[in-house]
């Protein structure tokens, strides 16, 4: 089957759906209209589905031999609390809410892929599960869907992210770490009982200084990571002695093992430094998303899929990013990958960063993502 040709026949439909989703952008956990429209389109295609986590939609396409493997294709559907600066006919009518990360395109591409897959079931050697996921931007949607069993029976998974860092017509699918974990911490400094006039600000400054040494002195230079303090607050003024100092920050890395070590390192350093200043330190460490790590087997399949729908030159290598993705929760449990599909085109002003009010998509890229969904599903099931 010539997948790219079949998808191109759906181009007008995919663009139309993307613009509709963009115009009626909805934030995390409030994607009610978006979810309803997805279900209405699936009804037209006679594709069965069920609602999960209130606004999520899981659809099922069984092929000629549904007893074989099952592959999942995931698209996130929520928008951001961003004021749109683009003056386009499909500009968001919900002021302060904008698809500034490409999820409108993801949902539209998966609907386009669903059309082609449902019309060519005889070529599906197994089953395809479509995951329209809410609440990615608040990194809660994937966990909620997993609790409802959406990964049961899944053998492999593909998620796509439209990416403004790379040019339209290029796609990155390489194996290994692709996006970082995103944890946060809060360190509260206070006086030790029986101690007066403890200089908590100086103690806090010393902790900030020594936290910076974790990456340079306690981790491998071959295993990149970040420890950053972004907030330093105290309840003091120039005429009073502070009673508490609070430090807050983020930790990012690409290794499960290193991620497990960070809370212990932060606790040890903060407590030992605080003690040397006759102070006490309490650490609150909050885990966010784990690192997003592409499975080697699925990556190899995806590379061949890209070559089929575009060319060998379309497959590019992209440096991993410190941004996080809740697709990582799926990849902890089933083999799969995230693919970055290029949308950057300076002539169309689609090279703005994600989460910017100027963010937009080169709509020529939508057929590339939709075709990759279909081609990967078929290749994975036939491998």
Protein backbone atom coordinates (compact mmCIF):
# COMPACT_ATOMS: atom_id res chain seq x y z
CA UNK A 1 0.00 0.00 0.00
CA UNK A 2 1.15 3.53 -0.81
CA UNK A 3 0.35 5.03 2.57
CA UNK A 4 1.48 8.59 1.86
CA UNK A 5 -0.78 8.75 -1.21
CA UNK A 6 -3.76 7.48 0.79
CA UNK A 7 -3.09 10.03 3.53
CA UNK A 8 -2.71 12.88 1.05
CA UNK A 9 -6.26 12.19 -0.10
CA UNK A 10 -7.29 12.99 3.49
CA UNK A 11 -5.23 16.19 3.65
CA UNK A 12 -8.19 18.58 3.45
CA UNK A 13 -9.98 16.65 6.18
CA UNK A 14 -6.93 16.64 8.48
CA UNK A 15 -6.32 20.37 8.01
CA UNK A 16 -10.01 21.11 8.58
CA UNK A 17 -10.04 19.15 11.84
CA UNK A 18 -6.81 20.72 13.02
CA UNK A 19 -8.19 24.21 12.47
CA UNK A 20 -11.43 23.35 14.24
CA UNK A 21 -9.58 21.98 17.26
CA UNK A 22 -7.39 25.09 17.24
CA UNK A 23 -10.32 27.50 17.08
CA UNK A 24 -12.10 25.80 19.98
CA UNK A 25 -9.02 25.19 22.14
CA UNK A 26 -9.71 23.70 25.56
CA UNK A 27 -7.36 23.32 28.58
CA UNK A 28 -6.43 20.13 30.41
CA UNK A 29 -9.33 18.12 31.83
CA UNK A 30 -11.83 20.46 30.12
CA UNK A 31 -11.54 19.11 26.57
CA UNK A 32 -15.29 18.43 26.43
CA UNK A 33 -16.03 19.77 22.95
CA UNK A 34 -12.81 18.32 21.56
CA UNK A 35 -13.64 14.89 22.97
CA UNK A 36 -17.20 15.04 21.64
CA UNK A 37 -16.04 16.00 18.15
CA UNK A 38 -13.53 13.14 18.11
CA UNK A 39 -16.32 10.71 18.99
CA UNK A 40 -18.58 12.14 16.32
CA UNK A 41 -15.89 11.64 13.69
CA UNK A 42 -15.23 8.09 14.87
CA UNK A 43 -18.96 7.39 14.59
CA UNK A 44 -18.85 8.48 10.94
CA UNK A 45 -16.02 5.99 10.38
CA UNK A 46 -17.89 3.20 12.23
CA UNK A 47 -14.97 2.82 14.61
CA UNK A 48 -15.97 1.66 18.12
CA UNK A 49 -14.66 3.62 21.08
CA UNK A 50 -15.10 4.27 24.76
CA UNK A 51 -14.71 7.32 26.97
CA UNK A 52 -11.99 7.22 29.63
CA UNK A 53 -11.02 9.71 32.33
CA UNK A 54 -13.99 11.92 31.38
CA UNK A 55 -12.49 13.50 28.26
CA UNK A 56 -10.22 10.78 26.91
CA UNK A 57 -11.26 8.58 23.99
CA UNK A 58 -9.97 5.09 23.19
CA UNK A 59 -10.88 3.66 19.77
CA UNK A 60 -10.40 0.16 18.37
CA UNK A 61 -9.65 -0.99 14.83
CA UNK A 62 -9.41 -4.76 14.37
CA UNK A 63 -7.76 -6.18 11.29
CA UNK A 64 -8.10 -9.44 9.46
CA UNK A 65 -6.27 -11.31 12.22
CA UNK A 66 -7.13 -9.59 15.47
CA UNK A 67 -5.67 -12.43 17.55
CA UNK A 68 -2.16 -11.18 16.69
CA UNK A 69 -0.36 -8.19 18.19
CA UNK A 70 -1.91 -4.89 19.18
CA UNK A 71 -0.24 -1.54 18.53
CA UNK A 72 -1.28 1.73 20.15
CA UNK A 73 -1.18 5.16 18.52
CA UNK A 74 -1.39 8.11 20.90
CA UNK A 75 -2.32 11.76 20.37
CA UNK A 76 -2.76 14.33 23.13
CA UNK A 77 -5.67 16.77 22.79
CA UNK A 78 -5.38 19.56 25.39
CA UNK A 79 -4.36 23.19 24.92
CA UNK A 80 -2.43 25.67 27.06
CA UNK A 81 -3.24 28.79 29.04
CA UNK A 82 -1.56 31.07 26.50
CA UNK A 83 -2.89 34.20 24.77
CA UNK A 84 -2.72 33.68 21.02
CA UNK A 85 -0.90 36.35 19.00
CA UNK A 86 -1.56 34.86 15.56
CA UNK A 87 -4.12 36.63 13.41
CA UNK A 88 -5.55 33.68 11.49
CA UNK A 89 -9.11 32.78 10.56
CA UNK A 90 -9.03 29.86 12.99
CA UNK A 91 -7.62 31.86 15.92
CA UNK A 92 -8.77 30.51 19.29
CA UNK A 93 -12.10 31.99 20.35
CA UNK A 94 -11.38 31.07 23.97
CA UNK A 95 -9.19 33.98 25.05
CA UNK A 96 -6.25 32.90 27.12
CA UNK A 97 -6.47 29.31 25.85
CA UNK A 98 -4.41 28.30 22.82
CA UNK A 99 -3.03 25.23 21.09
CA UNK A 100 0.53 26.49 21.48
CA UNK A 101 2.14 23.05 21.45
CA UNK A 102 0.65 21.26 18.45
CA UNK A 103 -1.87 18.99 20.13
CA UNK A 104 -4.54 20.20 17.72
CA UNK A 105 -2.39 18.75 14.95
CA UNK A 106 -1.80 15.52 16.85
CA UNK A 107 -5.54 14.87 17.25
CA UNK A 108 -6.26 15.74 13.62
CA UNK A 109 -3.44 13.50 12.35
CA UNK A 110 -4.72 10.54 14.36
CA UNK A 111 -8.23 11.03 12.99
CA UNK A 112 -6.80 11.08 9.48
CA UNK A 113 -4.84 7.92 10.23
CA UNK A 114 -8.00 6.33 11.62
CA UNK A 115 -9.81 6.98 8.34
CA UNK A 116 -7.12 5.22 6.30
CA UNK A 117 -6.75 2.32 8.72
CA UNK A 118 -10.49 1.71 8.97
CA UNK A 119 -10.81 1.67 5.19
CA UNK A 120 -7.94 -0.82 4.82
CA UNK A 121 -8.59 -3.31 7.61
CA UNK A 122 -7.60 -6.23 5.39
CA UNK A 123 -4.00 -5.01 5.58
CA UNK A 124 -3.99 -4.87 9.39
CA UNK A 125 -2.42 -8.04 10.76
CA UNK A 126 -3.62 -7.53 14.30
CA UNK A 127 -5.33 -4.66 16.13
CA UNK A 128 -4.80 -0.93 16.39
CA UNK A 129 -5.77 1.04 19.48
CA UNK A 130 -6.17 4.80 19.13
CA UNK A 131 -5.51 6.85 22.27
CA UNK A 132 -6.84 10.43 22.29
CA UNK A 133 -5.37 11.56 25.59
CA UNK A 134 -6.39 14.55 27.72
CA UNK A 135 -4.29 16.55 30.18
CA UNK A 136 -0.79 16.05 28.82
CA UNK A 137 0.17 19.64 29.58
CA UNK A 138 -0.40 19.06 33.30
CA UNK A 139 1.27 15.61 33.01
CA UNK A 140 -1.75 13.83 34.50
CA UNK A 141 -3.57 12.33 31.52
CA UNK A 142 -1.34 9.35 30.80
CA UNK A 143 -1.37 8.17 34.43
CA UNK A 144 -5.15 8.42 34.56
CA UNK A 145 -5.58 6.42 31.35
CA UNK A 146 -3.12 3.76 32.48
CA UNK A 147 -5.17 3.31 35.67
CA UNK A 148 -8.19 2.66 33.48
CA UNK A 149 -6.36 -0.10 31.62
CA UNK A 150 -5.71 1.47 28.23
CA UNK A 151 -2.36 -0.34 27.92
CA UNK A 152 -3.71 -3.81 28.59
CA UNK A 153 -2.73 -6.11 25.74
CA UNK A 154 -0.55 -3.48 24.03
CA UNK A 155 2.62 -4.80 22.37
CA UNK A 156 4.02 -1.52 21.05
CA UNK A 157 3.21 2.18 20.98
CA UNK A 158 3.87 5.29 18.90
CA UNK A 159 3.34 8.86 20.04
CA UNK A 160 4.04 11.82 17.77
CA UNK A 161 5.01 15.35 18.65
CA UNK A 162 5.05 18.07 16.00
CA UNK A 163 8.34 19.86 16.55
CA UNK A 164 9.24 23.44 15.58
CA UNK A 165 12.97 22.87 16.04
CA UNK A 166 13.29 20.77 12.87
CA UNK A 167 12.27 21.48 9.29
CA UNK A 168 9.08 20.31 7.66
CA UNK A 169 9.76 17.05 5.85
CA UNK A 170 12.14 15.66 8.48
CA UNK A 171 11.39 13.24 11.32
CA UNK A 172 13.42 12.06 14.33
CA UNK A 173 12.80 8.55 15.67
CA UNK A 174 16.14 7.50 17.15
CA UNK A 175 16.40 5.12 20.07
CA UNK A 176 17.38 5.97 23.62
CA UNK A 177 16.67 8.98 25.86
CA UNK A 178 14.69 11.68 24.06
CA UNK A 179 13.17 13.86 26.78
CA UNK A 180 14.11 14.42 30.40
CA UNK A 181 12.42 13.56 33.65
CA UNK A 182 10.88 16.56 35.39
CA UNK A 183 10.98 16.42 39.19
CA UNK A 184 10.70 19.29 41.66
CA UNK A 185 11.95 19.90 45.18
CA UNK A 186 11.36 22.22 48.12
CA UNK A 187 13.88 22.71 50.92
CA UNK A 188 12.68 24.48 54.09
CA UNK A 189 15.34 25.86 56.44
CA UNK A 190 14.58 26.72 60.05
CA UNK A 191 16.45 27.36 63.28
CA UNK A 192 17.43 24.40 65.42
CA UNK A 193 15.59 24.27 68.71
CA UNK A 194 17.45 26.27 71.34
CA UNK A 195 19.34 28.34 68.75
CA UNK A 196 18.82 32.06 68.28
CA UNK A 197 19.77 34.43 65.46
CA UNK A 198 20.76 31.71 63.01
CA UNK A 199 21.69 33.20 59.63
CA UNK A 200 19.34 31.14 57.47
CA UNK A 201 19.91 33.23 54.35
CA UNK A 202 23.62 32.48 54.37
CA UNK A 203 22.85 28.82 55.03
CA UNK A 204 20.43 28.81 52.11
CA UNK A 205 23.00 30.44 49.85
CA UNK A 206 25.51 27.75 50.82
CA UNK A 207 23.01 25.02 49.96
CA UNK A 208 22.33 26.60 46.57
CA UNK A 209 26.07 26.71 45.93
CA UNK A 210 26.64 23.08 46.87
CA UNK A 211 23.60 21.79 44.97
CA UNK A 212 25.28 23.07 41.82
CA UNK A 213 28.20 20.73 42.51
CA UNK A 214 26.01 17.61 42.27
CA UNK A 215 26.07 17.54 38.47
CA UNK A 216 29.78 18.38 38.18
CA UNK A 217 31.06 16.20 41.04
CA UNK A 218 28.60 13.39 41.74
CA UNK A 219 27.24 12.34 38.35
CA UNK A 220 28.86 11.04 35.19
CA UNK A 221 29.57 13.65 32.48
CA UNK A 222 28.21 11.07 30.05
CA UNK A 223 24.84 11.12 31.82
CA UNK A 224 23.50 14.69 31.46
CA UNK A 225 21.40 16.18 34.24
CA UNK A 226 20.26 19.50 35.68
CA UNK A 227 19.75 20.68 39.27
CA UNK A 228 18.44 24.22 39.36
CA UNK A 229 17.11 26.42 42.19
CA UNK A 230 14.51 28.82 40.82
CA UNK A 231 12.97 30.24 44.01
CA UNK A 232 14.71 31.58 47.16
CA UNK A 233 12.32 33.08 49.69
CA UNK A 234 12.54 34.16 53.33
CA UNK A 235 10.01 35.64 55.75
CA UNK A 236 12.25 38.50 56.75
CA UNK A 237 12.98 42.19 56.17
CA UNK A 238 15.97 44.37 56.86
CA UNK A 239 15.13 44.83 60.55
CA UNK A 240 14.14 41.31 61.62
CA UNK A 241 15.71 37.90 61.86
CA UNK A 242 14.26 35.40 59.40
CA UNK A 243 12.42 32.36 60.76
CA UNK A 244 12.25 30.30 57.58
CA UNK A 245 14.00 30.16 54.26
CA UNK A 246 12.49 28.20 51.37
CA UNK A 247 14.34 26.99 48.28
CA UNK A 248 12.47 25.50 45.34
CA UNK A 249 13.80 24.05 42.13
CA UNK A 250 13.81 21.36 39.49
CA UNK A 251 15.81 18.22 38.72
CA UNK A 252 16.02 16.81 35.21
CA UNK A 253 17.86 13.80 33.83
CA UNK A 254 17.63 10.96 31.31
CA UNK A 255 18.38 7.94 33.49
CA UNK A 256 16.05 5.98 35.76
CA UNK A 257 18.95 5.03 38.07
CA UNK A 258 20.28 8.57 38.38
CA UNK A 259 16.75 9.88 38.97
CA UNK A 260 16.41 7.50 41.93
CA UNK A 261 19.66 8.85 43.43
CA UNK A 262 18.82 12.55 43.29
CA UNK A 263 16.51 12.74 46.37
CA UNK A 264 19.19 11.10 48.49
CA UNK A 265 21.86 13.53 47.25
CA UNK A 266 19.68 16.60 47.81
CA UNK A 267 18.73 15.44 51.30
CA UNK A 268 22.31 14.72 52.30
CA UNK A 269 23.67 18.06 51.08
CA UNK A 270 20.85 20.23 52.43
CA UNK A 271 20.88 18.63 55.88
CA UNK A 272 24.65 18.65 56.28
CA UNK A 273 25.04 22.26 55.17
CA UNK A 274 22.12 23.38 57.35
CA UNK A 275 23.58 21.61 60.36
CA UNK A 276 26.88 23.44 59.94
CA UNK A 277 24.94 26.71 60.36
CA UNK A 278 22.98 25.44 63.41
CA UNK A 279 19.92 25.13 61.20
CA UNK A 280 17.60 22.33 60.13
CA UNK A 281 16.57 21.42 56.60
CA UNK A 282 13.54 19.48 55.44
CA UNK A 283 13.34 18.21 51.87
CA UNK A 284 10.10 17.68 49.95
CA UNK A 285 10.85 15.88 46.69
CA UNK A 286 8.04 15.54 44.13
CA UNK A 287 8.36 13.21 41.19
CA UNK A 288 7.06 14.52 37.89
CA UNK A 289 7.34 12.74 34.57
CA UNK A 290 10.01 10.05 34.15
CA UNK A 291 12.49 10.31 31.27
CA UNK A 292 11.11 9.53 27.81
CA UNK A 293 13.24 6.69 26.41
CA UNK A 294 12.66 5.25 22.94
CA UNK A 295 12.74 1.48 22.59
CA UNK A 296 15.43 0.29 20.15
CA UNK A 297 13.20 -2.27 18.40
CA UNK A 298 10.34 0.19 17.84
CA UNK A 299 12.81 2.87 16.78
CA UNK A 300 14.23 0.60 14.06
CA UNK A 301 10.73 -0.10 12.75
CA UNK A 302 9.83 3.60 12.78
CA UNK A 303 12.98 4.49 10.86
CA UNK A 304 11.96 2.13 8.04
CA UNK A 305 8.44 3.54 8.19
CA UNK A 306 9.72 7.09 7.67
CA UNK A 307 11.84 5.95 4.75
CA UNK A 308 8.76 4.39 3.15
CA UNK A 309 6.49 7.44 3.46
CA UNK A 310 9.18 10.06 2.73
CA UNK A 311 12.82 9.09 2.10
CA UNK A 312 16.04 8.06 3.82
CA UNK A 313 17.06 11.72 3.93
CA UNK A 314 13.91 12.53 5.91
CA UNK A 315 15.24 10.55 8.88
CA UNK A 316 17.34 12.90 10.99
CA UNK A 317 19.04 12.77 14.37
CA UNK A 318 17.88 15.29 16.94
CA UNK A 319 19.59 16.14 20.22
CA UNK A 320 17.51 15.15 23.24
CA UNK A 321 15.64 17.90 25.05
CA UNK A 322 15.26 18.77 28.73
CA UNK A 323 11.51 19.17 28.24
CA UNK A 324 9.25 16.49 29.69
CA UNK A 325 6.42 14.39 28.21
CA UNK A 326 3.88 12.21 29.95
CA UNK A 327 4.13 9.70 27.10
CA UNK A 328 7.02 8.51 29.28
CA UNK A 329 4.53 6.84 31.63
CA UNK A 330 3.40 4.60 28.77
CA UNK A 331 6.99 3.85 27.74
CA UNK A 332 7.78 2.67 31.28
CA UNK A 333 5.26 -0.13 30.77
CA UNK A 334 5.28 -1.02 27.06
CA UNK A 335 7.91 -0.75 24.32
CA UNK A 336 7.39 2.27 22.14
CA UNK A 337 8.72 5.59 20.91
CA UNK A 338 8.01 9.26 20.56
CA UNK A 339 8.62 10.61 17.05
CA UNK A 340 9.38 14.27 16.42
CA UNK A 341 7.81 15.46 13.15
CA UNK A 342 9.24 18.68 11.77
CA UNK A 343 7.02 21.73 11.28
CA UNK A 344 9.62 24.50 10.99
CA UNK A 345 9.20 26.73 7.94
CA UNK A 346 10.50 30.30 8.23
CA UNK A 347 8.51 31.46 5.21
CA UNK A 348 5.30 30.44 7.01
CA UNK A 349 6.45 31.69 10.43
CA UNK A 350 6.17 28.22 11.93
CA UNK A 351 9.55 28.24 13.64
CA UNK A 352 8.45 29.83 16.92
CA UNK A 353 9.10 27.89 20.13
CA UNK A 354 6.45 25.73 21.72
CA UNK A 355 4.23 27.46 24.31
CA UNK A 356 4.71 30.80 22.54
CA UNK A 357 1.70 32.92 21.61
CA UNK A 358 3.12 32.99 18.07
CA UNK A 359 3.39 29.21 17.77
CA UNK A 360 1.86 27.78 14.61
CA UNK A 361 2.10 24.67 12.45
CA UNK A 362 3.22 24.24 8.87
CA UNK A 363 0.14 22.30 7.85
CA UNK A 364 2.10 20.52 5.11
CA UNK A 365 3.60 18.47 7.94
CA UNK A 366 0.25 17.01 9.01
CA UNK A 367 0.23 14.38 6.26
CA UNK A 368 3.71 13.29 7.36
CA UNK A 369 2.57 12.63 10.92
CA UNK A 370 -0.67 10.95 9.87
CA UNK A 371 1.18 8.73 7.39
CA UNK A 372 3.71 7.77 10.05
CA UNK A 373 0.90 6.69 12.39
CA UNK A 374 -0.47 4.36 9.71
CA UNK A 375 2.83 3.07 8.34
CA UNK A 376 4.27 2.34 11.78
CA UNK A 377 1.13 0.48 12.84
CA UNK A 378 1.19 -1.74 9.76
CA UNK A 379 4.95 -2.31 9.92
CA UNK A 380 4.88 -3.13 13.63
CA UNK A 381 2.04 -5.62 13.24
CA UNK A 382 3.68 -7.29 10.25
CA UNK A 383 7.20 -7.40 11.74
